[in-house]
Amino acid sequence: MVYSGYRFVEEAVAAGKPVATVNRGRTRADPVLTLKVETEVGRALKALAQPAAAGERVES
């Protein structure tokens, strides 16, 4: 069963905070996202973990 996290997006946007997601395909939050990375979550996490494992800082 999947529980939607959309309510967290709504709260963040209402508070003026940027919202990013890693997801393949369309989501209900797409119109309000600050950043969307369209890839598999595992691939994105692996890309972030490699520099971190080497002691490097990941910059945006």
C-alpha atoms as a PDB file:
ATOM      1  CA  MET A   1       0.000   0.000   0.000  1.00  0.00           C
ATOM      2  CA  VAL A   2       1.289   3.457  -0.885  1.00  0.00           C
ATOM      3  CA  TYR A   3       0.539   6.476   1.298  1.00  0.00           C
ATOM      4  CA  SER A   4       0.812   9.787  -0.470  1.00  0.00           C
ATOM      5  CA  GLY A   5       3.384  12.280   0.753  1.00  0.00           C
ATOM      6  CA  TYR A   6       1.636  15.076  -1.130  1.00  0.00           C
ATOM      7  CA  ARG A   7       0.459  16.669   2.113  1.00  0.00           C
ATOM      8  CA  PHE A   8       4.122  17.259   3.038  1.00  0.00           C
ATOM      9  CA  VAL A   9       4.664  19.019  -0.285  1.00  0.00           C
ATOM     10  CA  GLU A  10       1.635  21.230   0.327  1.00  0.00           C
ATOM     11  CA  GLU A  11       2.894  22.175   3.799  1.00  0.00           C
ATOM     12  CA  ALA A  12       6.397  22.971   2.518  1.00  0.00           C
ATOM     13  CA  VAL A  13       5.103  25.117  -0.337  1.00  0.00           C
ATOM     14  CA  ALA A  14       2.747  26.964   2.025  1.00  0.00           C
ATOM     15  CA  ALA A  15       5.759  27.676   4.264  1.00  0.00           C
ATOM     16  CA  GLY A  16       7.715  29.050   1.293  1.00  0.00           C
ATOM     17  CA  LYS A  17      10.215  26.194   1.254  1.00  0.00           C
ATOM     18  CA  PRO A  18      11.670  24.692  -1.930  1.00  0.00           C
ATOM     19  CA  VAL A  19      10.569  21.152  -2.762  1.00  0.00           C
ATOM     20  CA  ALA A  20      12.572  18.589  -4.728  1.00  0.00           C
ATOM     21  CA  THR A  21      11.763  15.048  -5.748  1.00  0.00           C
ATOM     22  CA  VAL A  22      13.436  12.066  -7.358  1.00  0.00           C
ATOM     23  CA  ASN A  23      10.855  10.164  -9.332  1.00  0.00           C
ATOM     24  CA  ARG A  24      10.266   8.591 -12.700  1.00  0.00           C
ATOM     25  CA  GLY A  25       7.084   9.824 -14.278  1.00  0.00           C
ATOM     26  CA  ARG A  26       4.473  12.360 -13.347  1.00  0.00           C
ATOM     27  CA  THR A  27       3.395  13.258  -9.813  1.00  0.00           C
ATOM     28  CA  ARG A  28       0.635  15.442  -8.395  1.00  0.00           C
ATOM     29  CA  ALA A  29       3.314  17.762  -7.040  1.00  0.00           C
ATOM     30  CA  ASP A  30       4.993  18.463 -10.400  1.00  0.00           C
ATOM     31  CA  PRO A  31       3.486  21.952 -10.813  1.00  0.00           C
ATOM     32  CA  VAL A  32       4.951  23.193  -7.505  1.00  0.00           C
ATOM     33  CA  LEU A  33       8.340  21.462  -7.459  1.00  0.00           C
ATOM     34  CA  THR A  34      11.498  23.517  -7.289  1.00  0.00           C
ATOM     35  CA  LEU A  35      13.564  20.616  -8.627  1.00  0.00           C
ATOM     36  CA  LYS A  36      12.625  17.281 -10.159  1.00  0.00           C
ATOM     37  CA  VAL A  37      15.190  14.605 -10.953  1.00  0.00           C
ATOM     38  CA  GLU A  38      13.636  12.062 -13.307  1.00  0.00           C
ATOM     39  CA  THR A  39      15.556   8.879 -12.592  1.00  0.00           C
ATOM     40  CA  GLU A  40      15.395   5.818 -10.409  1.00  0.00           C
ATOM     41  CA  VAL A  41      15.849   6.616  -6.715  1.00  0.00           C
ATOM     42  CA  GLY A  42      18.578   3.990  -6.372  1.00  0.00           C
ATOM     43  CA  ARG A  43      20.587   5.557  -9.177  1.00  0.00           C
ATOM     44  CA  ALA A  44      20.293   9.040  -7.655  1.00  0.00           C
ATOM     45  CA  LEU A  45      21.277   7.851  -4.184  1.00  0.00           C
ATOM     46  CA  LYS A  46      24.256   5.960  -5.576  1.00  0.00           C
ATOM     47  CA  ALA A  47      25.431   9.092  -7.398  1.00  0.00           C
ATOM     48  CA  LEU A  48      25.175  11.100  -4.174  1.00  0.00           C
ATOM     49  CA  ALA A  49      26.773   8.414  -2.002  1.00  0.00           C
ATOM     50  CA  GLN A  50      29.935   7.985  -4.084  1.00  0.00           C
ATOM     51  CA  PRO A  51      31.412  11.447  -3.371  1.00  0.00           C
ATOM     52  CA  ALA A  52      30.213  11.293   0.232  1.00  0.00           C
ATOM     53  CA  ALA A  53      31.949   7.946   0.736  1.00  0.00           C
ATOM     54  CA  ALA A  54      35.152   9.503  -0.563  1.00  0.00           C
ATOM     55  CA  GLY A  55      34.823  12.318   1.962  1.00  0.00           C
ATOM     56  CA  GLU A  56      33.845  14.890  -0.651  1.00  0.00           C
ATOM     57  CA  ARG A  57      31.081  17.422  -0.222  1.00  0.00           C
ATOM     58  CA  VAL A  58      28.151  17.186  -2.652  1.00  0.00           C
ATOM     59  CA  GLU A  59      27.270  20.645  -3.989  1.00  0.00           C
ATOM     60  CA  SER A  60      24.019  21.537  -5.694  1.00  0.00           C
END
